[in-house]
């Protein structure tokens, strides 16, 4: 892991911008697939605090936080007999403490973590290697989890939530937007709720297709009420 420009780190050749993106708790919950009550509890107990603004009144989560939240939620859930085991919250806390001791910034923890079938947490060390996220750091397994893909049949892909929508952590504060534009899906949905038709919205935002606007509306509607 090497330091990059302000707010970024390069890990295994990937540049991570943990200070990019700014989602309030409602939106972070909808995008991550983790209930808002859980996010608030984790922040309040300092299990995992938002990277952008820890609150307590106005909490703002980064894009990297969304991926980390999915990881911790996934670890805590029971799985099928042939899949990974459930990891106790206390074990996750202990692993987080150890990972932080190893020098990984909080918002970038998910890039370093992998897990075995017993629910034990490991830190990827490069070249496919991994060590246990416990004192001693025993060598172990290979492979990582893909936490960007759609999660729990409700939360979207965190980079490509719809064919014509994108989420780029360094663009528009990480807000979902129509492909190759700077048109946030939330703005389109807001106009739709006010009664504007697709042709009327298209006149306000030239450069995007009607299908892009429709996908923006459907996507925001699927995230749930404000």
C-alpha atoms as a PDB file:
ATOM      1  CA  UNK A   1       0.000   0.000   0.000  1.00  0.00           C
ATOM      2  CA  UNK A   2       1.437   3.384  -1.013  1.00  0.00           C
ATOM      3  CA  UNK A   3       0.272   6.932  -0.454  1.00  0.00           C
ATOM      4  CA  UNK A   4      -1.031   8.784  -3.506  1.00  0.00           C
ATOM      5  CA  UNK A   5      -2.562  12.229  -4.016  1.00  0.00           C
ATOM      6  CA  UNK A   6      -4.459  13.770  -1.111  1.00  0.00           C
ATOM      7  CA  UNK A   7      -7.305  11.480  -0.135  1.00  0.00           C
ATOM      8  CA  UNK A   8      -6.102   8.532  -2.234  1.00  0.00           C
ATOM      9  CA  UNK A   9      -4.101   5.360  -1.728  1.00  0.00           C
ATOM     10  CA  UNK A  10      -2.772   2.794  -4.188  1.00  0.00           C
ATOM     11  CA  UNK A  11      -3.299  -0.789  -3.051  1.00  0.00           C
ATOM     12  CA  UNK A  12      -2.368  -3.733  -5.305  1.00  0.00           C
ATOM     13  CA  UNK A  13      -2.279  -1.323  -8.237  1.00  0.00           C
ATOM     14  CA  UNK A  14      -5.736   0.128  -7.581  1.00  0.00           C
ATOM     15  CA  UNK A  15      -6.135   3.813  -6.711  1.00  0.00           C
ATOM     16  CA  UNK A  16      -8.762   4.256  -4.013  1.00  0.00           C
ATOM     17  CA  UNK A  17     -10.226   7.686  -3.206  1.00  0.00           C
ATOM     18  CA  UNK A  18     -11.792   7.146   0.194  1.00  0.00           C
ATOM     19  CA  UNK A  19     -12.770  10.802   0.637  1.00  0.00           C
ATOM     20  CA  UNK A  20     -14.876  10.848  -2.547  1.00  0.00           C
ATOM     21  CA  UNK A  21     -18.623  10.526  -2.470  1.00  0.00           C
ATOM     22  CA  UNK A  22     -20.896  11.959   0.195  1.00  0.00           C
ATOM     23  CA  UNK A  23     -24.122  10.102   0.981  1.00  0.00           C
ATOM     24  CA  UNK A  24     -26.432  10.810   3.880  1.00  0.00           C
ATOM     25  CA  UNK A  25     -27.481   7.810   5.959  1.00  0.00           C
ATOM     26  CA  UNK A  26     -30.745   7.214   4.083  1.00  0.00           C
ATOM     27  CA  UNK A  27     -28.980   7.135   0.720  1.00  0.00           C
ATOM     28  CA  UNK A  28     -26.022   5.156   2.055  1.00  0.00           C
ATOM     29  CA  UNK A  29     -28.453   2.553   3.388  1.00  0.00           C
ATOM     30  CA  UNK A  30     -30.300   2.294   0.070  1.00  0.00           C
ATOM     31  CA  UNK A  31     -27.100   1.971  -1.964  1.00  0.00           C
ATOM     32  CA  UNK A  32     -25.273  -0.384   0.397  1.00  0.00           C
ATOM     33  CA  UNK A  33     -28.244  -2.602   1.204  1.00  0.00           C
ATOM     34  CA  UNK A  34     -27.650  -2.219   4.949  1.00  0.00           C
ATOM     35  CA  UNK A  35     -30.550  -0.778   7.023  1.00  0.00           C
ATOM     36  CA  UNK A  36     -30.191   2.827   8.175  1.00  0.00           C
ATOM     37  CA  UNK A  37     -30.782   1.718  11.765  1.00  0.00           C
ATOM     38  CA  UNK A  38     -27.748  -0.585  11.497  1.00  0.00           C
ATOM     39  CA  UNK A  39     -25.594   2.173   9.995  1.00  0.00           C
ATOM     40  CA  UNK A  40     -26.542   4.546  12.805  1.00  0.00           C
ATOM     41  CA  UNK A  41     -25.870   1.889  15.432  1.00  0.00           C
ATOM     42  CA  UNK A  42     -22.457   1.049  13.977  1.00  0.00           C
ATOM     43  CA  UNK A  43     -21.557   4.750  13.869  1.00  0.00           C
ATOM     44  CA  UNK A  44     -22.865   5.418  17.369  1.00  0.00           C
ATOM     45  CA  UNK A  45     -20.926   2.491  18.863  1.00  0.00           C
ATOM     46  CA  UNK A  46     -17.850   3.377  16.756  1.00  0.00           C
ATOM     47  CA  UNK A  47     -17.852  -0.048  15.142  1.00  0.00           C
ATOM     48  CA  UNK A  48     -17.673   1.760  11.795  1.00  0.00           C
ATOM     49  CA  UNK A  49     -18.021   5.540  11.508  1.00  0.00           C
ATOM     50  CA  UNK A  50     -18.700   7.422   8.259  1.00  0.00           C
ATOM     51  CA  UNK A  51     -15.493   8.596   6.612  1.00  0.00           C
ATOM     52  CA  UNK A  52     -16.762  11.961   5.320  1.00  0.00           C
ATOM     53  CA  UNK A  53     -18.664  13.288   8.344  1.00  0.00           C
ATOM     54  CA  UNK A  54     -19.007  11.087  11.454  1.00  0.00           C
ATOM     55  CA  UNK A  55     -21.941  13.033  12.891  1.00  0.00           C
ATOM     56  CA  UNK A  56     -23.652  12.490  15.224  1.00  0.00           C
ATOM     57  CA  UNK A  57     -26.283  14.758  13.667  1.00  0.00           C
ATOM     58  CA  UNK A  58     -25.307  14.800   9.994  1.00  0.00           C
ATOM     59  CA  UNK A  59     -23.468  11.633   9.000  1.00  0.00           C
ATOM     60  CA  UNK A  60     -21.989  11.431   5.496  1.00  0.00           C
ATOM     61  CA  UNK A  61     -20.611   8.192   4.071  1.00  0.00           C
ATOM     62  CA  UNK A  62     -18.099   7.804   1.225  1.00  0.00           C
ATOM     63  CA  UNK A  63     -18.357   5.402  -1.703  1.00  0.00           C
ATOM     64  CA  UNK A  64     -15.697   3.222  -0.109  1.00  0.00           C
ATOM     65  CA  UNK A  65     -17.805   3.167   3.042  1.00  0.00           C
ATOM     66  CA  UNK A  66     -20.667   1.650   1.041  1.00  0.00           C
ATOM     67  CA  UNK A  67     -18.490  -1.280   0.020  1.00  0.00           C
ATOM     68  CA  UNK A  68     -17.127  -1.737   3.545  1.00  0.00           C
ATOM     69  CA  UNK A  69     -20.672  -1.669   4.964  1.00  0.00           C
ATOM     70  CA  UNK A  70     -21.683  -4.441   2.573  1.00  0.00           C
ATOM     71  CA  UNK A  71     -18.701  -6.470   3.683  1.00  0.00           C
ATOM     72  CA  UNK A  72     -19.510  -6.226   7.383  1.00  0.00           C
ATOM     73  CA  UNK A  73     -23.183  -6.933   6.777  1.00  0.00           C
ATOM     74  CA  UNK A  74     -22.258  -9.960   4.657  1.00  0.00           C
ATOM     75  CA  UNK A  75     -19.889 -11.273   7.302  1.00  0.00           C
ATOM     76  CA  UNK A  76     -22.566 -11.089   9.995  1.00  0.00           C
ATOM     77  CA  UNK A  77     -25.274 -12.894   8.033  1.00  0.00           C
ATOM     78  CA  UNK A  78     -25.755 -16.691   8.158  1.00  0.00           C
ATOM     79  CA  UNK A  79     -25.032 -18.466   4.871  1.00  0.00           C
ATOM     80  CA  UNK A  80     -25.926 -21.788   3.341  1.00  0.00           C
ATOM     81  CA  UNK A  81     -24.115 -24.946   4.391  1.00  0.00           C
ATOM     82  CA  UNK A  82     -21.884 -24.902   1.310  1.00  0.00           C
ATOM     83  CA  UNK A  83     -20.991 -21.217   1.576  1.00  0.00           C
ATOM     84  CA  UNK A  84     -19.034 -19.083   4.010  1.00  0.00           C
ATOM     85  CA  UNK A  85     -19.833 -19.240   7.688  1.00  0.00           C
ATOM     86  CA  UNK A  86     -21.224 -16.440   9.845  1.00  0.00           C
ATOM     87  CA  UNK A  87     -18.655 -14.217  11.560  1.00  0.00           C
ATOM     88  CA  UNK A  88     -19.409 -12.921  15.057  1.00  0.00           C
ATOM     89  CA  UNK A  89     -19.544  -9.138  15.409  1.00  0.00           C
ATOM     90  CA  UNK A  90     -16.882  -9.245  18.118  1.00  0.00           C
ATOM     91  CA  UNK A  91     -14.553 -11.092  15.741  1.00  0.00           C
ATOM     92  CA  UNK A  92     -15.126  -8.400  13.122  1.00  0.00           C
ATOM     93  CA  UNK A  93     -14.336  -5.716  15.716  1.00  0.00           C
ATOM     94  CA  UNK A  94     -11.103  -7.488  16.637  1.00  0.00           C
ATOM     95  CA  UNK A  95     -10.137  -7.890  12.990  1.00  0.00           C
ATOM     96  CA  UNK A  96     -10.856  -4.212  12.278  1.00  0.00           C
ATOM     97  CA  UNK A  97      -8.634  -3.192  15.182  1.00  0.00           C
ATOM     98  CA  UNK A  98      -5.843  -5.395  13.878  1.00  0.00           C
ATOM     99  CA  UNK A  99      -6.231  -4.157  10.289  1.00  0.00           C
ATOM    100  CA  UNK A 100      -6.045  -0.557  11.479  1.00  0.00           C
ATOM    101  CA  UNK A 101      -2.912  -1.452  13.410  1.00  0.00           C
ATOM    102  CA  UNK A 102      -1.477  -2.711  10.113  1.00  0.00           C
ATOM    103  CA  UNK A 103      -1.938   0.786   8.693  1.00  0.00           C
ATOM    104  CA  UNK A 104      -5.013   0.431   6.480  1.00  0.00           C
ATOM    105  CA  UNK A 105      -7.215   3.566   6.565  1.00  0.00           C
ATOM    106  CA  UNK A 106     -10.774   2.800   7.640  1.00  0.00           C
ATOM    107  CA  UNK A 107     -12.381   3.646   4.304  1.00  0.00           C
ATOM    108  CA  UNK A 108     -10.030   1.309   2.459  1.00  0.00           C
ATOM    109  CA  UNK A 109     -10.340  -1.756   4.685  1.00  0.00           C
ATOM    110  CA  UNK A 110     -12.575  -3.597   2.220  1.00  0.00           C
ATOM    111  CA  UNK A 111      -9.863  -3.583  -0.446  1.00  0.00           C
ATOM    112  CA  UNK A 112      -7.656  -5.604   1.876  1.00  0.00           C
ATOM    113  CA  UNK A 113     -10.098  -8.147   3.313  1.00  0.00           C
ATOM    114  CA  UNK A 114     -10.951 -11.674   2.231  1.00  0.00           C
ATOM    115  CA  UNK A 115     -12.609 -14.518   4.175  1.00  0.00           C
ATOM    116  CA  UNK A 116     -12.503 -18.304   4.384  1.00  0.00           C
ATOM    117  CA  UNK A 117     -15.295 -20.885   4.706  1.00  0.00           C
ATOM    118  CA  UNK A 118     -15.152 -20.702   8.502  1.00  0.00           C
ATOM    119  CA  UNK A 119     -15.852 -16.968   8.495  1.00  0.00           C
ATOM    120  CA  UNK A 120     -12.288 -16.032   9.472  1.00  0.00           C
ATOM    121  CA  UNK A 121     -11.011 -12.698   8.156  1.00  0.00           C
ATOM    122  CA  UNK A 122      -7.753 -12.292   6.241  1.00  0.00           C
ATOM    123  CA  UNK A 123      -5.824  -9.361   4.781  1.00  0.00           C
ATOM    124  CA  UNK A 124      -4.650  -9.606   1.175  1.00  0.00           C
ATOM    125  CA  UNK A 125      -0.915  -8.922   1.039  1.00  0.00           C
ATOM    126  CA  UNK A 126      -0.201  -8.932  -2.695  1.00  0.00           C
ATOM    127  CA  UNK A 127       0.637 -11.585  -5.309  1.00  0.00           C
ATOM    128  CA  UNK A 128      -2.408 -13.597  -4.213  1.00  0.00           C
ATOM    129  CA  UNK A 129      -1.211 -14.018  -0.641  1.00  0.00           C
ATOM    130  CA  UNK A 130      -3.134 -13.322   2.541  1.00  0.00           C
ATOM    131  CA  UNK A 131      -2.556 -13.288   6.306  1.00  0.00           C
ATOM    132  CA  UNK A 132      -5.013 -13.651   9.190  1.00  0.00           C
ATOM    133  CA  UNK A 133      -6.369 -10.346  10.526  1.00  0.00           C
ATOM    134  CA  UNK A 134      -5.354 -11.309  14.062  1.00  0.00           C
ATOM    135  CA  UNK A 135      -2.138 -10.903  16.060  1.00  0.00           C
ATOM    136  CA  UNK A 136       0.421 -13.200  14.460  1.00  0.00           C
ATOM    137  CA  UNK A 137      -1.037 -12.795  10.934  1.00  0.00           C
ATOM    138  CA  UNK A 138      -0.677 -16.413   9.815  1.00  0.00           C
ATOM    139  CA  UNK A 139      -0.420 -16.977   6.062  1.00  0.00           C
ATOM    140  CA  UNK A 140      -3.571 -18.349   4.483  1.00  0.00           C
ATOM    141  CA  UNK A 141      -5.821 -18.275   1.459  1.00  0.00           C
ATOM    142  CA  UNK A 142      -6.237 -16.595  -1.912  1.00  0.00           C
ATOM    143  CA  UNK A 143      -9.173 -14.802  -3.516  1.00  0.00           C
ATOM    144  CA  UNK A 144     -11.372 -11.824  -2.676  1.00  0.00           C
ATOM    145  CA  UNK A 145     -15.093 -11.044  -2.526  1.00  0.00           C
ATOM    146  CA  UNK A 146     -16.768  -8.879  -5.148  1.00  0.00           C
ATOM    147  CA  UNK A 147     -18.821  -6.407  -3.103  1.00  0.00           C
ATOM    148  CA  UNK A 148     -19.536  -3.951  -5.907  1.00  0.00           C
ATOM    149  CA  UNK A 149     -22.073  -6.181  -7.662  1.00  0.00           C
ATOM    150  CA  UNK A 150     -25.801  -5.991  -6.774  1.00  0.00           C
ATOM    151  CA  UNK A 151     -26.323  -6.972  -3.154  1.00  0.00           C
ATOM    152  CA  UNK A 152     -29.195  -8.768  -1.394  1.00  0.00           C
ATOM    153  CA  UNK A 153     -31.575  -8.491  -4.382  1.00  0.00           C
ATOM    154  CA  UNK A 154     -32.197  -4.816  -3.604  1.00  0.00           C
ATOM    155  CA  UNK A 155     -29.018  -2.730  -3.447  1.00  0.00           C
ATOM    156  CA  UNK A 156     -27.582  -1.882  -6.888  1.00  0.00           C
ATOM    157  CA  UNK A 157     -24.248  -2.402  -8.561  1.00  0.00           C
ATOM    158  CA  UNK A 158     -22.119   0.376  -7.068  1.00  0.00           C
ATOM    159  CA  UNK A 159     -20.479   1.346 -10.356  1.00  0.00           C
ATOM    160  CA  UNK A 160     -23.144   0.533 -12.956  1.00  0.00           C
ATOM    161  CA  UNK A 161     -26.534   0.589 -11.213  1.00  0.00           C
ATOM    162  CA  UNK A 162     -28.386   0.531 -14.560  1.00  0.00           C
ATOM    163  CA  UNK A 163     -27.165   0.116 -18.171  1.00  0.00           C
ATOM    164  CA  UNK A 164     -27.350   3.878 -18.738  1.00  0.00           C
ATOM    165  CA  UNK A 165     -26.452   4.982 -15.200  1.00  0.00           C
ATOM    166  CA  UNK A 166     -23.058   5.207 -13.553  1.00  0.00           C
ATOM    167  CA  UNK A 167     -21.606   5.870 -10.091  1.00  0.00           C
ATOM    168  CA  UNK A 168     -18.084   7.332 -10.147  1.00  0.00           C
ATOM    169  CA  UNK A 169     -16.718   8.160  -6.678  1.00  0.00           C
ATOM    170  CA  UNK A 170     -14.851  11.213  -7.996  1.00  0.00           C
ATOM    171  CA  UNK A 171     -17.716  12.637 -10.058  1.00  0.00           C
ATOM    172  CA  UNK A 172     -20.733  14.546  -8.703  1.00  0.00           C
ATOM    173  CA  UNK A 173     -19.837  13.504  -5.147  1.00  0.00           C
ATOM    174  CA  UNK A 174     -20.452   9.902  -6.130  1.00  0.00           C
ATOM    175  CA  UNK A 175     -24.080  10.494  -7.075  1.00  0.00           C
ATOM    176  CA  UNK A 176     -25.654   8.109  -9.597  1.00  0.00           C
ATOM    177  CA  UNK A 177     -25.919   9.901 -12.931  1.00  0.00           C
ATOM    178  CA  UNK A 178     -26.819   9.273 -16.561  1.00  0.00           C
ATOM    179  CA  UNK A 179     -23.989   7.812 -18.620  1.00  0.00           C
ATOM    180  CA  UNK A 180     -21.643  10.369 -20.222  1.00  0.00           C
ATOM    181  CA  UNK A 181     -23.461  13.321 -18.604  1.00  0.00           C
ATOM    182  CA  UNK A 182     -23.459  15.223 -15.345  1.00  0.00           C
ATOM    183  CA  UNK A 183     -27.186  14.677 -14.831  1.00  0.00           C
ATOM    184  CA  UNK A 184     -27.864  13.120 -11.391  1.00  0.00           C
ATOM    185  CA  UNK A 185     -30.603  10.505 -11.338  1.00  0.00           C
ATOM    186  CA  UNK A 186     -31.943  12.069  -8.148  1.00  0.00           C
ATOM    187  CA  UNK A 187     -32.538  15.394  -9.941  1.00  0.00           C
ATOM    188  CA  UNK A 188     -34.417  13.644 -12.741  1.00  0.00           C
ATOM    189  CA  UNK A 189     -36.553  11.771 -10.241  1.00  0.00           C
ATOM    190  CA  UNK A 190     -37.276  14.969  -8.333  1.00  0.00           C
ATOM    191  CA  UNK A 191     -38.643  16.605 -11.475  1.00  0.00           C
ATOM    192  CA  UNK A 192     -40.669  13.502 -12.269  1.00  0.00           C
ATOM    193  CA  UNK A 193     -42.283  13.591  -8.828  1.00  0.00           C
ATOM    194  CA  UNK A 194     -43.183  17.238  -9.379  1.00  0.00           C
ATOM    195  CA  UNK A 195     -45.179  16.208 -12.443  1.00  0.00           C
ATOM    196  CA  UNK A 196     -42.795  16.915 -15.308  1.00  0.00           C
ATOM    197  CA  UNK A 197     -43.046  14.538 -18.275  1.00  0.00           C
ATOM    198  CA  UNK A 198     -40.050  12.839 -19.895  1.00  0.00           C
ATOM    199  CA  UNK A 199     -40.116  15.206 -22.904  1.00  0.00           C
ATOM    200  CA  UNK A 200     -40.179  18.194 -20.546  1.00  0.00           C
ATOM    201  CA  UNK A 201     -37.264  16.794 -18.543  1.00  0.00           C
ATOM    202  CA  UNK A 202     -35.367  16.136 -21.785  1.00  0.00           C
ATOM    203  CA  UNK A 203     -35.751  19.802 -22.736  1.00  0.00           C
ATOM    204  CA  UNK A 204     -34.138  20.812 -19.433  1.00  0.00           C
ATOM    205  CA  UNK A 205     -31.262  18.347 -19.819  1.00  0.00           C
ATOM    206  CA  UNK A 206     -30.250  17.998 -23.476  1.00  0.00           C
ATOM    207  CA  UNK A 207     -27.714  15.331 -24.298  1.00  0.00           C
ATOM    208  CA  UNK A 208     -29.352  12.278 -22.731  1.00  0.00           C
ATOM    209  CA  UNK A 209     -31.839   9.785 -24.131  1.00  0.00           C
ATOM    210  CA  UNK A 210     -35.400   9.220 -22.943  1.00  0.00           C
ATOM    211  CA  UNK A 211     -34.327   5.722 -21.901  1.00  0.00           C
ATOM    212  CA  UNK A 212     -31.624   7.222 -19.695  1.00  0.00           C
ATOM    213  CA  UNK A 213     -34.170   9.447 -17.982  1.00  0.00           C
ATOM    214  CA  UNK A 214     -36.543   6.518 -17.529  1.00  0.00           C
ATOM    215  CA  UNK A 215     -33.796   4.376 -16.008  1.00  0.00           C
ATOM    216  CA  UNK A 216     -32.926   7.224 -13.649  1.00  0.00           C
ATOM    217  CA  UNK A 217     -36.555   7.442 -12.499  1.00  0.00           C
ATOM    218  CA  UNK A 218     -36.924   3.678 -12.086  1.00  0.00           C
ATOM    219  CA  UNK A 219     -33.628   3.451 -10.214  1.00  0.00           C
ATOM    220  CA  UNK A 220     -34.448   6.215  -7.740  1.00  0.00           C
ATOM    221  CA  UNK A 221     -37.940   4.844  -7.201  1.00  0.00           C
ATOM    222  CA  UNK A 222     -36.386   1.476  -6.351  1.00  0.00           C
ATOM    223  CA  UNK A 223     -34.194   3.023  -3.646  1.00  0.00           C
ATOM    224  CA  UNK A 224     -37.282   3.756  -1.575  1.00  0.00           C
ATOM    225  CA  UNK A 225     -38.923   6.877  -0.114  1.00  0.00           C
ATOM    226  CA  UNK A 226     -36.964   9.949   0.947  1.00  0.00           C
END
